[in-house]
Every structure is written in C-alpha cells, then in structure tokens.
C-alpha atoms as a PDB file:
ATOM      1  CA  MET A   1     -87.478-172.574  78.081  1.00  0.00           C
ATOM      2  CA  THR A   2     -88.483-170.139  75.406  1.00  0.00           C
ATOM      3  CA  THR A   3     -90.641-168.213  77.847  1.00  0.00           C
ATOM      4  CA  GLN A   4     -87.737-167.879  80.302  1.00  0.00           C
ATOM      5  CA  MET A   5     -85.421-166.639  77.559  1.00  0.00           C
ATOM      6  CA  LEU A   6     -87.976-164.067  76.498  1.00  0.00           C
ATOM      7  CA  ALA A   7     -88.364-162.883  80.084  1.00  0.00           C
ATOM      8  CA  ILE A   8     -84.623-162.582  80.546  1.00  0.00           C
ATOM      9  CA  MET A   9     -84.257-160.713  77.279  1.00  0.00           C
ATOM     10  CA  ALA A  10     -87.118-158.382  78.204  1.00  0.00           C
ATOM     11  CA  LEU A  11     -85.545-157.712  81.609  1.00  0.00           C
ATOM     12  CA  ALA A  12     -82.145-157.046  80.017  1.00  0.00           C
ATOM     13  CA  MET A  13     -83.668-154.680  77.479  1.00  0.00           C
ATOM     14  CA  PHE A  14     -85.515-152.863  80.261  1.00  0.00           C
ATOM     15  CA  CYS A  15     -82.327-152.463  82.288  1.00  0.00           C
ATOM     16  CA  ALA A  16     -80.404-151.274  79.234  1.00  0.00           C
ATOM     17  CA  GLY A  17     -83.160-148.787  78.440  1.00  0.00           C
ATOM     18  CA  ALA A  18     -83.165-147.522  82.029  1.00  0.00           C
ATOM     19  CA  VAL A  19     -79.386-147.040  82.020  1.00  0.00           C
ATOM     20  CA  ALA A  20     -79.574-145.273  78.658  1.00  0.00           C
ATOM     21  CA  TRP A  21     -82.382-143.052  79.941  1.00  0.00           C
ATOM     22  CA  VAL A  22     -80.355-142.100  83.025  1.00  0.00           C
ATOM     23  CA  ILE A  23     -77.363-141.213  80.842  1.00  0.00           C
ATOM     24  CA  ILE A  24     -79.215-139.430  78.068  1.00  0.00           C
ATOM     25  CA  TYR A  25     -81.951-137.636  80.116  1.00  0.00           C
ATOM     26  CA  PRO A  26     -79.725-134.818  81.540  1.00  0.00           C
ATOM     27  CA  TYR A  27     -78.745-133.829  77.997  1.00  0.00           C
ATOM     28  CA  LEU A  28     -82.349-133.976  76.776  1.00  0.00           C
ATOM     29  CA  SER A  29     -83.771-132.010  79.761  1.00  0.00           C
ATOM     30  CA  GLY A  30     -81.056-129.315  79.823  1.00  0.00           C
ATOM     31  CA  GLU A  31     -79.718-130.164  83.273  1.00  0.00           C
ATOM     32  CA  LYS A  32     -76.150-130.278  81.960  1.00  0.00           C
ATOM     33  CA  ASP A  33     -76.503-126.844  80.430  1.00  0.00           C
ATOM     34  CA  ALA A  34     -77.954-125.489  83.679  1.00  0.00           C
ATOM     35  CA  GLU A  35     -75.092-127.025  85.640  1.00  0.00           C
ATOM     36  CA  LYS A  36     -72.564-125.467  83.267  1.00  0.00           C
ATOM     37  CA  ARG A  37     -74.253-122.085  83.613  1.00  0.00           C
ATOM     38  CA  MET A  38     -74.216-122.403  87.408  1.00  0.00           C
ATOM     39  CA  GLN A  39     -70.521-123.245  87.387  1.00  0.00           C
ATOM     40  CA  SER A  40     -69.738-120.295  85.119  1.00  0.00           C
ATOM     41  CA  VAL A  41     -71.765-117.941  87.359  1.00  0.00           C
ATOM     42  CA  THR A  42     -70.017-119.309  90.426  1.00  0.00           C
ATOM     43  CA  ARG A  43     -66.592-118.863  88.838  1.00  0.00           C
ATOM     44  CA  SER A  44     -67.419-115.301  87.799  1.00  0.00           C
ATOM     45  CA  ALA A  45     -68.840-114.428  91.239  1.00  0.00           C
ATOM     46  CA  ALA A  46     -65.981-116.000  93.196  1.00  0.00           C
ATOM     47  CA  PRO A  47     -63.613-112.984  92.864  1.00  0.00           C
ATOM     48  CA  ALA A  48     -66.360-110.608  94.040  1.00  0.00           C
ATOM     49  CA  VAL A  49     -67.137-112.817  97.036  1.00  0.00           C
ATOM     50  CA  LYS A  50     -63.454-113.051  97.918  1.00  0.00           C
ATOM     51  CA  ALA A  51     -63.072-109.280  97.576  1.00  0.00           C
ATOM     52  CA  ALA A  52     -66.083-108.680  99.826  1.00  0.00           C
ATOM     53  CA  THR A  53     -64.707-111.141 102.373  1.00  0.00           C
ATOM     54  CA  ARG A  54     -61.338-109.410 102.298  1.00  0.00           C
ATOM     55  CA  ALA A  55     -63.029-106.015 102.721  1.00  0.00           C
ATOM     56  CA  ILE A  56     -65.018-107.219 105.742  1.00  0.00           C
ATOM     57  CA  LYS A  57     -61.900-108.744 107.228  1.00  0.00           C
ATOM     58  CA  SER A  58     -59.964-105.547 106.587  1.00  0.00           C
ATOM     59  CA  ARG A  59     -62.635-103.407 108.293  1.00  0.00           C
ATOM     60  CA  ARG A  60     -62.677-105.800 111.240  1.00  0.00           C
ATOM     61  CA  GLU A  61     -58.908-105.598 111.527  1.00  0.00           C
ATOM     62  CA  GLN A  62     -59.044-101.787 111.362  1.00  0.00           C
ATOM     63  CA  VAL A  63     -61.648-101.650 114.121  1.00  0.00           C
ATOM     64  CA  GLU A  64     -59.648-104.068 116.263  1.00  0.00           C
ATOM     65  CA  ALA A  65     -56.500-102.021 115.700  1.00  0.00           C
ATOM     66  CA  SER A  66     -58.318 -98.823 116.689  1.00  0.00           C
ATOM     67  CA  LEU A  67     -59.692-100.382 119.863  1.00  0.00           C
ATOM     68  CA  LYS A  68     -56.294-101.852 120.753  1.00  0.00           C
ATOM     69  CA  ASP A  69     -54.574 -98.513 120.196  1.00  0.00           C
ATOM     70  CA  ILE A  70     -57.093 -96.666 122.362  1.00  0.00           C
ATOM     71  CA  GLU A  71     -56.814 -99.322 125.077  1.00  0.00           C
ATOM     72  CA  ASN A  72     -53.026 -98.979 125.100  1.00  0.00           C
ATOM     73  CA  ARG A  73     -53.332 -95.220 125.474  1.00  0.00           C
ATOM     74  CA  ARG A  74     -55.811 -95.729 128.307  1.00  0.00           C
ATOM     75  CA  LYS A  75     -53.351 -97.967 130.160  1.00  0.00           C
ATOM     76  CA  GLN A  76     -50.569 -95.438 129.688  1.00  0.00           C
ATOM     77  CA  SER A  77     -52.760 -92.623 131.040  1.00  0.00           C
ATOM     78  CA  ARG A  78     -53.060 -94.269 134.454  1.00  0.00           C
ATOM     79  CA  SER A  79     -49.663 -92.884 135.489  1.00  0.00           C
ATOM     80  CA  PRO A  80     -49.117 -89.802 133.307  1.00  0.00           C
ATOM     81  CA  PRO A  81     -46.066 -87.564 133.738  1.00  0.00           C
ATOM     82  CA  LEU A  82     -46.261 -84.341 135.717  1.00  0.00           C
ATOM     83  CA  SER A  83     -46.610 -82.124 132.635  1.00  0.00           C
ATOM     84  CA  VAL A  84     -49.656 -84.111 131.472  1.00  0.00           C
ATOM     85  CA  ARG A  85     -51.262 -83.904 134.918  1.00  0.00           C
ATOM     86  CA  ILE A  86     -50.785 -80.143 134.910  1.00  0.00           C
ATOM     87  CA  THR A  87     -52.509 -79.985 131.521  1.00  0.00           C
ATOM     88  CA  GLN A  88     -55.350 -82.202 132.758  1.00  0.00           C
ATOM     89  CA  ALA A  89     -55.876 -79.853 135.707  1.00  0.00           C
ATOM     90  CA  GLY A  90     -56.406 -76.979 133.271  1.00  0.00           C
ATOM     91  CA  VAL A  91     -53.783 -74.643 134.778  1.00  0.00           C
ATOM     92  CA  SER A  92     -51.198 -72.601 132.924  1.00  0.00           C
ATOM     93  CA  TRP A  93     -48.213 -73.629 135.037  1.00  0.00           C
ATOM     94  CA  THR A  94     -45.118 -75.173 133.574  1.00  0.00           C
ATOM     95  CA  LYS A  95     -43.401 -78.191 135.060  1.00  0.00           C
ATOM     96  CA  ARG A  96     -40.499 -76.054 136.231  1.00  0.00           C
ATOM     97  CA  GLN A  97     -42.794 -73.526 137.912  1.00  0.00           C
ATOM     98  CA  PHE A  98     -44.664 -76.303 139.696  1.00  0.00           C
ATOM     99  CA  ILE A  99     -41.482 -77.909 141.044  1.00  0.00           C
ATOM    100  CA  ILE A 100     -40.018 -74.567 142.162  1.00  0.00           C
ATOM    101  CA  GLY A 101     -43.282 -73.552 143.835  1.00  0.00           C
ATOM    102  CA  SER A 102     -43.505 -76.906 145.655  1.00  0.00           C
ATOM    103  CA  ALA A 103     -39.931 -76.593 146.909  1.00  0.00           C
ATOM    104  CA  VAL A 104     -40.459 -73.005 148.112  1.00  0.00           C
ATOM    105  CA  LEU A 105     -43.666 -73.998 149.914  1.00  0.00           C
ATOM    106  CA  GLY A 106     -41.923 -76.913 151.640  1.00  0.00           C
ATOM    107  CA  VAL A 107     -39.025 -74.700 152.793  1.00  0.00           C
ATOM    108  CA  ILE A 108     -41.407 -72.019 154.118  1.00  0.00           C
ATOM    109  CA  VAL A 109     -43.483 -74.529 156.104  1.00  0.00           C
ATOM    110  CA  ALA A 110     -40.391 -76.280 157.497  1.00  0.00           C
ATOM    111  CA  ALA A 111     -38.811 -72.966 158.554  1.00  0.00           C
ATOM    112  CA  THR A 112     -42.056 -71.781 160.159  1.00  0.00           C
ATOM    113  CA  VAL A 113     -42.483 -74.975 162.171  1.00  0.00           C
ATOM    114  CA  PHE A 114     -38.812 -74.954 163.184  1.00  0.00           C
ATOM    115  CA  PHE A 115     -38.914 -71.348 164.434  1.00  0.00           C
ATOM    116  CA  LEU A 116     -42.003 -72.167 166.466  1.00  0.00           C
ATOM    117  CA  ASP A 117     -39.749 -74.447 168.590  1.00  0.00           C
ATOM    118  CA  ALA A 118     -41.486 -77.618 167.432  1.00  0.00           C
ATOM    119  CA  GLY A 119     -38.191 -79.394 166.790  1.00  0.00           C
ATOM    120  CA  PRO A 120     -36.292 -80.364 163.632  1.00  0.00           C
ATOM    121  CA  ILE A 121     -38.063 -83.682 163.026  1.00  0.00           C
ATOM    122  CA  PRO A 122     -41.622 -82.255 162.902  1.00  0.00           C
ATOM    123  CA  ALA A 123     -40.309 -79.366 160.805  1.00  0.00           C
ATOM    124  CA  LEU A 124     -38.774 -81.735 158.253  1.00  0.00           C
ATOM    125  CA  VAL A 125     -41.855 -83.971 158.161  1.00  0.00           C
ATOM    126  CA  LEU A 126     -44.335 -81.113 157.780  1.00  0.00           C
ATOM    127  CA  GLY A 127     -42.079 -79.363 155.267  1.00  0.00           C
ATOM    128  CA  PHE A 128     -41.829 -82.516 153.163  1.00  0.00           C
ATOM    129  CA  CYS A 129     -45.596 -83.046 153.293  1.00  0.00           C
ATOM    130  CA  ALA A 130     -46.245 -79.422 152.342  1.00  0.00           C
ATOM    131  CA  GLY A 131     -43.726 -79.478 149.488  1.00  0.00           C
ATOM    132  CA  ALA A 132     -44.392 -82.950 148.062  1.00  0.00           C
ATOM    133  CA  ALA A 133     -47.983 -83.883 148.935  1.00  0.00           C
ATOM    134  CA  LEU A 134     -49.947 -80.634 149.197  1.00  0.00           C
ATOM    135  CA  PRO A 135     -49.260 -79.265 145.660  1.00  0.00           C
ATOM    136  CA  ARG A 136     -50.067 -82.633 144.103  1.00  0.00           C
ATOM    137  CA  TRP A 137     -53.253 -82.850 146.126  1.00  0.00           C
ATOM    138  CA  VAL A 138     -54.238 -79.390 144.873  1.00  0.00           C
ATOM    139  CA  LEU A 139     -53.442 -80.523 141.325  1.00  0.00           C
ATOM    140  CA  SER A 140     -55.619 -83.618 141.739  1.00  0.00           C
ATOM    141  CA  PHE A 141     -58.426 -81.500 143.205  1.00  0.00           C
ATOM    142  CA  LEU A 142     -58.345 -79.116 140.251  1.00  0.00           C
ATOM    143  CA  LYS A 143     -58.271 -82.059 137.851  1.00  0.00           C
ATOM    144  CA  ARG A 144     -61.324 -83.703 139.468  1.00  0.00           C
ATOM    145  CA  ARG A 145     -63.234 -80.403 139.495  1.00  0.00           C
ATOM    146  CA  ARG A 146     -62.480 -79.837 135.816  1.00  0.00           C
ATOM    147  CA  GLU A 147     -63.524 -83.385 134.914  1.00  0.00           C
ATOM    148  CA  THR A 148     -66.812 -82.928 136.796  1.00  0.00           C
ATOM    149  CA  LYS A 149     -67.607 -79.761 134.831  1.00  0.00           C
ATOM    150  CA  PHE A 150     -66.676 -81.543 131.597  1.00  0.00           C
ATOM    151  CA  LEU A 151     -69.013 -84.459 132.349  1.00  0.00           C
ATOM    152  CA  ASP A 152     -71.892 -82.088 133.057  1.00  0.00           C
ATOM    153  CA  LEU A 153     -71.531 -80.428 129.640  1.00  0.00           C
ATOM    154  CA  PHE A 154     -70.304 -83.318 127.477  1.00  0.00           C
ATOM    155  CA  PRO A 155     -73.719 -84.951 126.692  1.00  0.00           C
ATOM    156  CA  ASP A 156     -75.078 -81.576 125.528  1.00  0.00           C
ATOM    157  CA  ALA A 157     -72.046 -81.140 123.275  1.00  0.00           C
ATOM    158  CA  ILE A 158     -72.640 -84.560 121.711  1.00  0.00           C
ATOM    159  CA  ASP A 159     -76.293 -83.632 121.119  1.00  0.00           C
ATOM    160  CA  VAL A 160     -75.098 -80.531 119.256  1.00  0.00           C
ATOM    161  CA  VAL A 161     -72.961 -82.771 117.017  1.00  0.00           C
ATOM    162  CA  VAL A 162     -75.905 -85.131 116.418  1.00  0.00           C
ATOM    163  CA  ARG A 163     -78.260 -82.300 115.464  1.00  0.00           C
ATOM    164  CA  GLY A 164     -75.603 -80.762 113.195  1.00  0.00           C
ATOM    165  CA  ILE A 165     -75.014 -84.049 111.357  1.00  0.00           C
ATOM    166  CA  LYS A 166     -78.754 -84.654 110.927  1.00  0.00           C
ATOM    167  CA  SER A 167     -79.161 -81.169 109.484  1.00  0.00           C
ATOM    168  CA  GLY A 168     -76.432 -81.814 106.894  1.00  0.00           C
ATOM    169  CA  LEU A 169     -73.355 -80.224 108.485  1.00  0.00           C
ATOM    170  CA  PRO A 170     -70.022 -82.074 108.237  1.00  0.00           C
ATOM    171  CA  LEU A 171     -68.590 -83.484 111.431  1.00  0.00           C
ATOM    172  CA  ALA A 172     -65.746 -80.954 111.515  1.00  0.00           C
ATOM    173  CA  ASP A 173     -68.188 -78.016 111.290  1.00  0.00           C
ATOM    174  CA  SER A 174     -70.285 -79.470 114.111  1.00  0.00           C
ATOM    175  CA  LEU A 175     -67.170 -79.778 116.267  1.00  0.00           C
ATOM    176  CA  ARG A 176     -66.268 -76.199 115.373  1.00  0.00           C
ATOM    177  CA  VAL A 177     -69.640 -75.005 116.712  1.00  0.00           C
ATOM    178  CA  ILE A 178     -68.846 -76.630 120.064  1.00  0.00           C
ATOM    179  CA  ALA A 179     -65.289 -75.254 120.059  1.00  0.00           C
ATOM    180  CA  TYR A 180     -66.514 -71.658 119.755  1.00  0.00           C
ATOM    181  CA  GLU A 181     -69.892 -71.600 121.534  1.00  0.00           C
ATOM    182  CA  SER A 182     -69.792 -74.140 124.385  1.00  0.00           C
ATOM    183  CA  PRO A 183     -68.734 -73.275 127.955  1.00  0.00           C
ATOM    184  CA  GLU A 184     -65.395 -74.297 129.422  1.00  0.00           C
ATOM    185  CA  PRO A 185     -63.818 -76.838 129.659  1.00  0.00           C
ATOM    186  CA  VAL A 186     -65.633 -78.449 126.700  1.00  0.00           C
ATOM    187  CA  LYS A 187     -64.829 -75.419 124.574  1.00  0.00           C
ATOM    188  CA  SER A 188     -61.049 -75.645 125.011  1.00  0.00           C
ATOM    189  CA  GLU A 189     -60.944 -79.432 124.615  1.00  0.00           C
ATOM    190  CA  PHE A 190     -62.837 -79.444 121.314  1.00  0.00           C
ATOM    191  CA  ARG A 191     -60.790 -76.490 120.103  1.00  0.00           C
ATOM    192  CA  HIS A 192     -57.693 -78.563 120.797  1.00  0.00           C
ATOM    193  CA  ILE A 193     -59.188 -81.363 118.658  1.00  0.00           C
ATOM    194  CA  LEU A 194     -59.657 -78.958 115.743  1.00  0.00           C
ATOM    195  CA  GLU A 195     -56.157 -77.530 116.158  1.00  0.00           C
ATOM    196  CA  THR A 196     -54.705 -81.048 116.182  1.00  0.00           C
ATOM    197  CA  GLN A 197     -56.609 -81.894 113.005  1.00  0.00           C
ATOM    198  CA  THR A 198     -55.431 -78.665 111.360  1.00  0.00           C
ATOM    199  CA  VAL A 199     -51.787 -79.729 111.601  1.00  0.00           C
ATOM    200  CA  GLY A 200     -52.526 -82.854 109.546  1.00  0.00           C
ATOM    201  CA  LEU A 201     -53.685 -85.510 112.029  1.00  0.00           C
ATOM    202  CA  PRO A 202     -56.797 -87.502 110.976  1.00  0.00           C
ATOM    203  CA  LEU A 203     -60.004 -86.671 112.812  1.00  0.00           C
ATOM    204  CA  GLY A 204     -60.199 -90.084 114.485  1.00  0.00           C
ATOM    205  CA  GLU A 205     -56.718 -89.738 115.976  1.00  0.00           C
ATOM    206  CA  ALA A 206     -57.379 -86.114 116.902  1.00  0.00           C
ATOM    207  CA  CYS A 207     -60.459 -87.188 118.867  1.00  0.00           C
ATOM    208  CA  SER A 208     -58.446 -89.913 120.580  1.00  0.00           C
ATOM    209  CA  LYS A 209     -56.178 -87.144 121.942  1.00  0.00           C
ATOM    210  CA  LEU A 210     -59.173 -85.994 123.975  1.00  0.00           C
ATOM    211  CA  PHE A 211     -58.749 -88.984 126.273  1.00  0.00           C
ATOM    212  CA  GLU A 212     -55.141 -88.013 126.975  1.00  0.00           C
ATOM    213  CA  ARG A 213     -56.174 -84.538 128.134  1.00  0.00           C
ATOM    214  CA  MET A 214     -59.422 -85.646 129.792  1.00  0.00           C
ATOM    215  CA  PRO A 215     -58.890 -89.252 131.056  1.00  0.00           C
ATOM    216  CA  LEU A 216     -62.523 -90.243 131.466  1.00  0.00           C
ATOM    217  CA  PRO A 217     -64.422 -93.296 130.189  1.00  0.00           C
ATOM    218  CA  GLU A 218     -66.900 -90.947 128.501  1.00  0.00           C
ATOM    219  CA  SER A 219     -64.215 -89.269 126.391  1.00  0.00           C
ATOM    220  CA  ASN A 220     -62.815 -92.723 125.596  1.00  0.00           C
ATOM    221  CA  PHE A 221     -66.263 -93.797 124.320  1.00  0.00           C
ATOM    222  CA  PHE A 222     -66.438 -90.718 122.110  1.00  0.00           C
ATOM    223  CA  ALA A 223     -62.968 -91.392 120.665  1.00  0.00           C
ATOM    224  CA  ILE A 224     -63.876 -95.043 119.944  1.00  0.00           C
ATOM    225  CA  VAL A 225     -67.102 -94.093 118.136  1.00  0.00           C
ATOM    226  CA  ILE A 226     -65.368 -91.490 115.952  1.00  0.00           C
ATOM    227  CA  ALA A 227     -62.395 -93.772 115.195  1.00  0.00           C
ATOM    228  CA  ILE A 228     -64.616 -96.703 114.177  1.00  0.00           C
ATOM    229  CA  GLN A 229     -66.853 -94.498 112.029  1.00  0.00           C
ATOM    230  CA  GLN A 230     -63.853 -92.953 110.253  1.00  0.00           C
ATOM    231  CA  LYS A 231     -62.412 -96.374 109.374  1.00  0.00           C
ATOM    232  CA  SER A 232     -65.453 -98.579 108.785  1.00  0.00           C
ATOM    233  CA  GLY A 233     -68.300 -96.134 108.111  1.00  0.00           C
ATOM    234  CA  GLY A 234     -71.801 -96.239 109.535  1.00  0.00           C
ATOM    235  CA  ASN A 235     -74.557 -93.969 110.774  1.00  0.00           C
ATOM    236  CA  LEU A 236     -72.608 -91.500 112.919  1.00  0.00           C
ATOM    237  CA  SER A 237     -75.638 -89.540 114.139  1.00  0.00           C
ATOM    238  CA  GLU A 238     -77.302 -92.699 115.452  1.00  0.00           C
ATOM    239  CA  ALA A 239     -74.086 -93.878 117.119  1.00  0.00           C
ATOM    240  CA  LEU A 240     -73.494 -90.513 118.796  1.00  0.00           C
ATOM    241  CA  GLY A 241     -77.145 -90.327 119.823  1.00  0.00           C
ATOM    242  CA  ASN A 242     -76.821 -93.688 121.554  1.00  0.00           C
ATOM    243  CA  LEU A 243     -73.584 -92.495 123.159  1.00  0.00           C
ATOM    244  CA  SER A 244     -75.316 -89.387 124.498  1.00  0.00           C
ATOM    245  CA  LYS A 245     -78.057 -91.557 126.016  1.00  0.00           C
ATOM    246  CA  VAL A 246     -75.443 -93.823 127.611  1.00  0.00           C
ATOM    247  CA  LEU A 247     -73.601 -90.836 129.087  1.00  0.00           C
ATOM    248  CA  ARG A 248     -76.795 -89.430 130.583  1.00  0.00           C
ATOM    249  CA  ASP A 249     -77.653 -92.834 132.060  1.00  0.00           C
ATOM    250  CA  ARG A 250     -74.162 -93.052 133.566  1.00  0.00           C
ATOM    251  CA  LYS A 251     -74.632 -89.592 135.066  1.00  0.00           C
ATOM    252  CA  LYS A 252     -77.919 -90.678 136.651  1.00  0.00           C
ATOM    253  CA  MET A 253     -76.253 -93.798 138.031  1.00  0.00           C
ATOM    254  CA  LYS A 254     -73.448 -91.713 139.530  1.00  0.00           C
ATOM    255  CA  GLY A 255     -76.026 -89.512 141.224  1.00  0.00           C
ATOM    256  CA  LYS A 256     -77.797 -92.534 142.718  1.00  0.00           C
ATOM    257  CA  ILE A 257     -74.524 -94.013 143.968  1.00  0.00           C
ATOM    258  CA  ARG A 258     -73.489 -90.648 145.413  1.00  0.00           C
ATOM    259  CA  ALA A 259     -76.805 -90.384 147.258  1.00  0.00           C
ATOM    260  CA  MET A 260     -76.524 -93.936 148.625  1.00  0.00           C
ATOM    261  CA  SER A 261     -72.954 -93.374 149.853  1.00  0.00           C
ATOM    262  CA  THR A 262     -73.641 -90.012 151.525  1.00  0.00           C
ATOM    263  CA  GLU A 263     -74.341 -91.610 154.912  1.00  0.00           C
ATOM    264  CA  ALA A 264     -71.078 -93.569 154.843  1.00  0.00           C
ATOM    265  CA  LYS A 265     -69.135 -90.443 153.871  1.00  0.00           C
ATOM    266  CA  ALA A 266     -70.715 -88.445 156.697  1.00  0.00           C
ATOM    267  CA  SER A 267     -69.823 -91.178 159.206  1.00  0.00           C
ATOM    268  CA  ALA A 268     -66.239 -91.293 157.921  1.00  0.00           C
ATOM    269  CA  SER A 269     -65.948 -87.490 158.173  1.00  0.00           C
ATOM    270  CA  ILE A 270     -67.162 -87.532 161.780  1.00  0.00           C
ATOM    271  CA  ILE A 271     -64.789 -90.350 162.733  1.00  0.00           C
ATOM    272  CA  GLY A 272     -61.850 -88.618 161.050  1.00  0.00           C
ATOM    273  CA  ALA A 273     -62.555 -85.230 162.639  1.00  0.00           C
ATOM    274  CA  LEU A 274     -63.282 -86.565 166.133  1.00  0.00           C
ATOM    275  CA  PRO A 275     -59.621 -86.811 167.365  1.00  0.00           C
ATOM    276  CA  ILE A 276     -58.832 -83.296 166.123  1.00  0.00           C
ATOM    277  CA  ALA A 277     -61.967 -81.920 167.753  1.00  0.00           C
ATOM    278  CA  VAL A 278     -61.143 -83.646 171.059  1.00  0.00           C
ATOM    279  CA  MET A 279     -57.601 -82.238 170.964  1.00  0.00           C
ATOM    280  CA  ALA A 280     -58.959 -78.724 170.355  1.00  0.00           C
ATOM    281  CA  ILE A 281     -61.437 -79.015 173.242  1.00  0.00           C
ATOM    282  CA  VAL A 282     -58.756 -80.333 175.629  1.00  0.00           C
ATOM    283  CA  TYR A 283     -56.407 -77.531 174.575  1.00  0.00           C
ATOM    284  CA  LEU A 284     -59.072 -74.914 175.285  1.00  0.00           C
ATOM    285  CA  THR A 285     -59.992 -76.397 178.675  1.00  0.00           C
ATOM    286  CA  SER A 286     -56.596 -77.698 179.920  1.00  0.00           C
ATOM    287  CA  PRO A 287     -53.753 -76.344 177.759  1.00  0.00           C
ATOM    288  CA  ASP A 288     -50.994 -77.457 180.145  1.00  0.00           C
ATOM    289  CA  TYR A 289     -52.256 -81.045 179.931  1.00  0.00           C
ATOM    290  CA  ILE A 290     -51.956 -81.382 176.127  1.00  0.00           C
ATOM    291  CA  THR A 291     -49.032 -79.088 175.308  1.00  0.00           C
ATOM    292  CA  LEU A 292     -46.696 -81.883 176.357  1.00  0.00           C
ATOM    293  CA  LEU A 293     -47.443 -83.505 172.983  1.00  0.00           C
ATOM    294  CA  TRP A 294     -45.465 -80.855 171.082  1.00  0.00           C
ATOM    295  CA  THR A 295     -43.064 -79.591 173.745  1.00  0.00           C
ATOM    296  CA  GLU A 296     -41.600 -82.940 174.824  1.00  0.00           C
ATOM    297  CA  ARG A 297     -39.691 -85.266 172.488  1.00  0.00           C
ATOM    298  CA  LEU A 298     -41.730 -88.334 173.506  1.00  0.00           C
ATOM    299  CA  GLY A 299     -44.951 -86.386 172.972  1.00  0.00           C
ATOM    300  CA  GLN A 300     -43.802 -85.336 169.503  1.00  0.00           C
ATOM    301  CA  LEU A 301     -43.108 -88.955 168.581  1.00  0.00           C
ATOM    302  CA  MET A 302     -46.520 -89.993 169.933  1.00  0.00           C
ATOM    303  CA  LEU A 303     -48.184 -87.185 167.988  1.00  0.00           C
ATOM    304  CA  LEU A 304     -46.370 -88.209 164.799  1.00  0.00           C
ATOM    305  CA  GLY A 305     -47.336 -91.866 165.243  1.00  0.00           C
ATOM    306  CA  SER A 306     -50.963 -90.910 165.909  1.00  0.00           C
ATOM    307  CA  ALA A 307     -51.002 -88.746 162.776  1.00  0.00           C
ATOM    308  CA  VAL A 308     -49.643 -91.620 160.692  1.00  0.00           C
ATOM    309  CA  TRP A 309     -52.248 -94.050 162.045  1.00  0.00           C
ATOM    310  CA  MET A 310     -54.997 -91.485 161.509  1.00  0.00           C
ATOM    311  CA  LEU A 311     -53.863 -91.000 157.913  1.00  0.00           C
ATOM    312  CA  ILE A 312     -53.924 -94.759 157.316  1.00  0.00           C
ATOM    313  CA  GLY A 313     -57.410 -94.994 158.814  1.00  0.00           C
ATOM    314  CA  VAL A 314     -58.698 -92.121 156.678  1.00  0.00           C
ATOM    315  CA  MET A 315     -57.270 -93.718 153.514  1.00  0.00           C
ATOM    316  CA  VAL A 316     -58.885 -97.065 154.388  1.00  0.00           C
ATOM    317  CA  MET A 317     -62.273 -95.414 154.975  1.00  0.00           C
ATOM    318  CA  LYS A 318     -61.928 -93.472 151.737  1.00  0.00           C
ATOM    319  CA  LYS A 319     -61.230 -96.707 149.853  1.00  0.00           C
ATOM    320  CA  MET A 320     -64.287 -98.338 151.422  1.00  0.00           C
ATOM    321  CA  ILE A 321     -66.778 -95.591 150.559  1.00  0.00           C
ATOM    322  CA  ASN A 322     -65.560 -94.720 147.053  1.00  0.00           C
ATOM    323  CA  PHE A 323     -67.146 -96.778 144.279  1.00  0.00           C
ATOM    324  CA  ASP A 324     -65.477 -97.241 140.889  1.00  0.00           C
ATOM    325  CA  PHE A 325     -67.882 -97.929 138.011  1.00  0.00           C
END
C-alpha cells in the first residue's frame, strides 16, 4: 500500500513538474519576448504592406483604364465621320469641298451619259455612282496607300526612339527627332503628337491620338506601350524594342500572306475582267449585235442587272481572298 502511494505521488509530482515546465519554459527561453517582437514588427510593417498593395492595385487599375480607353477609341474609329476619313487620307480638302466636288462630278457624269442618248435611268445610276461611290473609293485608296507608307517607316522610327532613350535623350526629344527628320507620313504624324502635347495634353494621351489619325493595330500598340509606361513606369527602351521586333515580324507575315494569295487574286482579276473583255471583242467584231444592250430599253435593263450581279460577284471574291490578321 505504501509502495502504491509513493508511486502515485511520484507520478503526480512528475505531471505537475511537466505542466510547470511547459508554462514556465517560454519565459525562461525567451520565446515570449521573440513572439512579442514579431508581433510589434508585424504591426509596424502592416501599414507599409497595405500601402504597397494599394499602390499595385492603383497601377493595375490605371493600366486597365488606359487599355479600356484605347479599346473604346478603337471601336469608335471603325466608322469615323467624313472629316476624319479625309484627315486619314492625308489630303488638304475640307468636308464642304469634298461634298461639293462629289456632287459636281455626279452631275457631270449624269449629264454626259444622258446626252449620249443612253436614257435617263442609266444616266441617274451612273451619276449617282460617280458622285457617291467614286470619291469615297478614291479617299479609301489614298488612305490605304498612306497607311502602307506609314507601316514601312514606322519600325525604323521606333528604333530611333529606342536608340535615343538608350543614349540618354528624353522621350519627347526622341519624338522630336522623328518629327523633323523622318520621311512622310511618319514625320507629320509625330509632329502632330508633339503639337498636341504642346497645348497641354499628357504624352500618353497625345500618342493615343495617333491611332485616330492612323487607324492601324501597329499605332495602337505604340499608344498602349507609351500610355502604360507613363502611368506605371518600366523600361521603355526594352518595351519599344520588343514592339519594333513585333512590327517587323508582322510585316514579314503580311508579305508571306500576300505572296500566298497572289494566285487567288490573279484568278479573281481574270474572272472579273472576262465579261468586259468579251463585250469589247464582240463590239469590235459585230457592233450591231451588241449595241442593242444600250439602245433598247430591255437591253439597258439587262445590262444594269448584269452589272449589279458582276459587282456582287467581285465583292464576294474580294472577301474570299482578303485576309484580316
């Protein structure tokens, strides 16, 4: 009995000592002090962490806002007004001059066709096409030609900016070099950026105006890079260098696609020109046989219907052989 009591007492003392050791040891080893120091460091660092998190979130929101703004402008540029299209074509006409010139051209063509005894309906149709469609086609042709010249020179202009930044020049001075020494149309477009910035607009927004005057994905890329760098910082020379490489790769891809689609374009040109060529040959060999198409009312209607169907066929073939990328 005594032995059992001693064992129980020894076990109780051991348990009490173990509990006391567990409670007292953190104070003896300094763990409590270390925990207090960690808590104080955490409390002091919490405002800095929150501030850094807010800064990152703010930069992300600024970048998202810039991208959203540029995307909205890109959607609006798909159907620009007539004055903007005239500016994009690089001509010095005003909207009023363009409308008056189109109307005069339509009246001249309609009067010429009417006095050639072709009838009032063909005169009205050809006059409307000449006054409404032909000037806009010329405007689109001039716009595409100007955009092609811009794309050929744009990567070199970006390389000039990259070399200027790496040599220590500010971005505005590098843009000024392009605005005064590059060929057209890059020269006038970058000069417009500098003029826009001079009136008080930030450089990022001034560069985004480039896409409104030159609605190309390449100019949109340039505006995005400048806008993001102005708001969130970063290595601008590296970003523009990568952009220049991307633009040159896109140019190579366009060349490959153009070479692959040449055969289809040649076939479409032959098919579209074949009816006109046959009509010319028949007119030269048997003029009395084909003149009924424009001297008789039924022939005029048949000729008009054939022209409409030919136009639809040409538009369908054009849609099939043009690749958007």
